[in-house]
Each structure stands twice: as structure tokens, then as C-alpha cells.
C-alpha atoms as a PDB file:
ATOM      1  CA  UNK A   1       2.710   9.553   4.424  1.00  0.00           C
ATOM      2  CA  UNK A   2       3.285   6.967   1.718  1.00  0.00           C
ATOM      3  CA  UNK A   3       5.572   4.030   2.468  1.00  0.00           C
ATOM      4  CA  UNK A   4       7.042   2.126  -0.475  1.00  0.00           C
ATOM      5  CA  UNK A   5       6.785  -1.639  -0.225  1.00  0.00           C
ATOM      6  CA  UNK A   6       8.094  -2.153  -3.772  1.00  0.00           C
ATOM      7  CA  UNK A   7       8.889  -0.103  -6.876  1.00  0.00           C
ATOM      8  CA  UNK A   8       5.277  -0.405  -7.972  1.00  0.00           C
ATOM      9  CA  UNK A   9       3.295  -0.330  -4.709  1.00  0.00           C
ATOM     10  CA  UNK A  10       3.097   1.846  -1.647  1.00  0.00           C
ATOM     11  CA  UNK A  11       0.779   2.073   1.338  1.00  0.00           C
ATOM     12  CA  UNK A  12      -0.382   4.746   3.745  1.00  0.00           C
ATOM     13  CA  UNK A  13      -1.538   4.303   7.325  1.00  0.00           C
ATOM     14  CA  UNK A  14      -4.568   6.101   8.724  1.00  0.00           C
ATOM     15  CA  UNK A  15      -5.203   5.979  12.464  1.00  0.00           C
ATOM     16  CA  UNK A  16      -8.424   6.863  14.228  1.00  0.00           C
ATOM     17  CA  UNK A  17      -9.400   5.961  17.775  1.00  0.00           C
ATOM     18  CA  UNK A  18      -6.736   3.246  18.128  1.00  0.00           C
ATOM     19  CA  UNK A  19      -7.876   1.660  14.874  1.00  0.00           C
ATOM     20  CA  UNK A  20      -5.278   1.534  12.081  1.00  0.00           C
ATOM     21  CA  UNK A  21      -6.423   1.324   8.482  1.00  0.00           C
ATOM     22  CA  UNK A  22      -4.265   1.028   5.366  1.00  0.00           C
ATOM     23  CA  UNK A  23      -4.660   2.104   1.728  1.00  0.00           C
ATOM     24  CA  UNK A  24      -2.592   0.741  -1.187  1.00  0.00           C
ATOM     25  CA  UNK A  25      -1.429   2.820  -4.176  1.00  0.00           C
ATOM     26  CA  UNK A  26       0.208   2.161  -7.552  1.00  0.00           C
ATOM     27  CA  UNK A  27       2.064   4.592  -9.841  1.00  0.00           C
ATOM     28  CA  UNK A  28      -0.096   6.940 -11.862  1.00  0.00           C
ATOM     29  CA  UNK A  29       0.833   6.647 -15.529  1.00  0.00           C
ATOM     30  CA  UNK A  30      -1.021   9.724 -16.829  1.00  0.00           C
ATOM     31  CA  UNK A  31       1.121  12.461 -15.343  1.00  0.00           C
ATOM     32  CA  UNK A  32       2.945  15.196 -17.236  1.00  0.00           C
ATOM     33  CA  UNK A  33       5.215  16.252 -14.373  1.00  0.00           C
ATOM     34  CA  UNK A  34       8.002  13.664 -14.230  1.00  0.00           C
ATOM     35  CA  UNK A  35       9.900  15.332 -11.364  1.00  0.00           C
ATOM     36  CA  UNK A  36       7.931  13.469  -8.739  1.00  0.00           C
ATOM     37  CA  UNK A  37       6.130  10.118  -8.873  1.00  0.00           C
ATOM     38  CA  UNK A  38       2.353  10.422  -8.573  1.00  0.00           C
ATOM     39  CA  UNK A  39       0.333   7.591  -7.059  1.00  0.00           C
ATOM     40  CA  UNK A  40      -3.261   6.480  -7.519  1.00  0.00           C
ATOM     41  CA  UNK A  41      -5.320   4.662  -4.939  1.00  0.00           C
ATOM     42  CA  UNK A  42      -6.116   1.015  -5.753  1.00  0.00           C
ATOM     43  CA  UNK A  43      -7.811  -0.082  -2.518  1.00  0.00           C
ATOM     44  CA  UNK A  44     -10.085   1.375   0.077  1.00  0.00           C
ATOM     45  CA  UNK A  45      -9.220   1.458   3.756  1.00  0.00           C
ATOM     46  CA  UNK A  46      -8.399  -1.995   5.111  1.00  0.00           C
ATOM     47  CA  UNK A  47      -7.195  -3.429   8.382  1.00  0.00           C
ATOM     48  CA  UNK A  48      -3.558  -4.541   8.493  1.00  0.00           C
ATOM     49  CA  UNK A  49      -4.608  -8.191   8.246  1.00  0.00           C
ATOM     50  CA  UNK A  50      -6.979  -7.361   5.396  1.00  0.00           C
ATOM     51  CA  UNK A  51      -4.248  -5.512   3.496  1.00  0.00           C
ATOM     52  CA  UNK A  52      -1.800  -8.378   4.021  1.00  0.00           C
ATOM     53  CA  UNK A  53      -4.371 -10.835   2.690  1.00  0.00           C
ATOM     54  CA  UNK A  54      -5.175  -8.590  -0.294  1.00  0.00           C
ATOM     55  CA  UNK A  55      -1.488  -8.227  -1.173  1.00  0.00           C
ATOM     56  CA  UNK A  56      -0.897 -11.982  -0.828  1.00  0.00           C
ATOM     57  CA  UNK A  57      -3.862 -12.698  -3.114  1.00  0.00           C
ATOM     58  CA  UNK A  58      -3.147 -10.055  -5.772  1.00  0.00           C
ATOM     59  CA  UNK A  59       0.674 -10.175  -5.765  1.00  0.00           C
ATOM     60  CA  UNK A  60       1.523 -13.735  -4.631  1.00  0.00           C
ATOM     61  CA  UNK A  61       4.985 -13.999  -6.201  1.00  0.00           C
ATOM     62  CA  UNK A  62       6.281 -10.511  -5.463  1.00  0.00           C
ATOM     63  CA  UNK A  63       6.940 -10.588  -1.722  1.00  0.00           C
ATOM     64  CA  UNK A  64       4.851  -7.445  -1.243  1.00  0.00           C
ATOM     65  CA  UNK A  65       2.783  -9.074   1.512  1.00  0.00           C
ATOM     66  CA  UNK A  66       5.941  -9.818   3.513  1.00  0.00           C
ATOM     67  CA  UNK A  67       7.268  -6.305   2.892  1.00  0.00           C
ATOM     68  CA  UNK A  68       3.982  -4.939   4.238  1.00  0.00           C
ATOM     69  CA  UNK A  69       4.297  -7.094   7.365  1.00  0.00           C
ATOM     70  CA  UNK A  70       7.642  -5.480   8.113  1.00  0.00           C
ATOM     71  CA  UNK A  71       5.873  -2.134   8.645  1.00  0.00           C
ATOM     72  CA  UNK A  72       2.447  -3.242   9.939  1.00  0.00           C
ATOM     73  CA  UNK A  73       1.205  -5.354  12.815  1.00  0.00           C
ATOM     74  CA  UNK A  74      -1.121  -8.163  11.808  1.00  0.00           C
END
């Protein structure tokens, strides 16, 4: 399931053997069906701490890293 952390980013959690991994997505611009927002993957699977660090580095002014922390444990 995708969880929005802003209007332009969302994440999904993948759990396997007590190991949570996260993937980040951004809106897909090349879509003809406007009824539902489509998302494209912009990262691979990362740990919660890795995703927080990636968000803080790539979106430092947006508050996305803090929004991610509200749903993930790092």
C-alpha cells in the first residue's frame, strides 16, 4: 500500500522476516487516465534509516524526511 508523505512523494513498506524495507515513488507524468494518480518508483528498497537519510539529502527543505519518520521507525 502506498502512503503519501507529500503531494509529490509516497512510500510503500515491504516486510520480510522481521526486516522492513521502503520504496519511494513520485507521480507519473505520462499517463492518459486522469481518474487515478499513477506513481513511478524512484528508489530501490531501503531500510527506514536509509530512506530517511535519502529523503533528507534529496528533499532537505520540504519536510518529507520528518513526514516519513511519523510512519516509520528509524
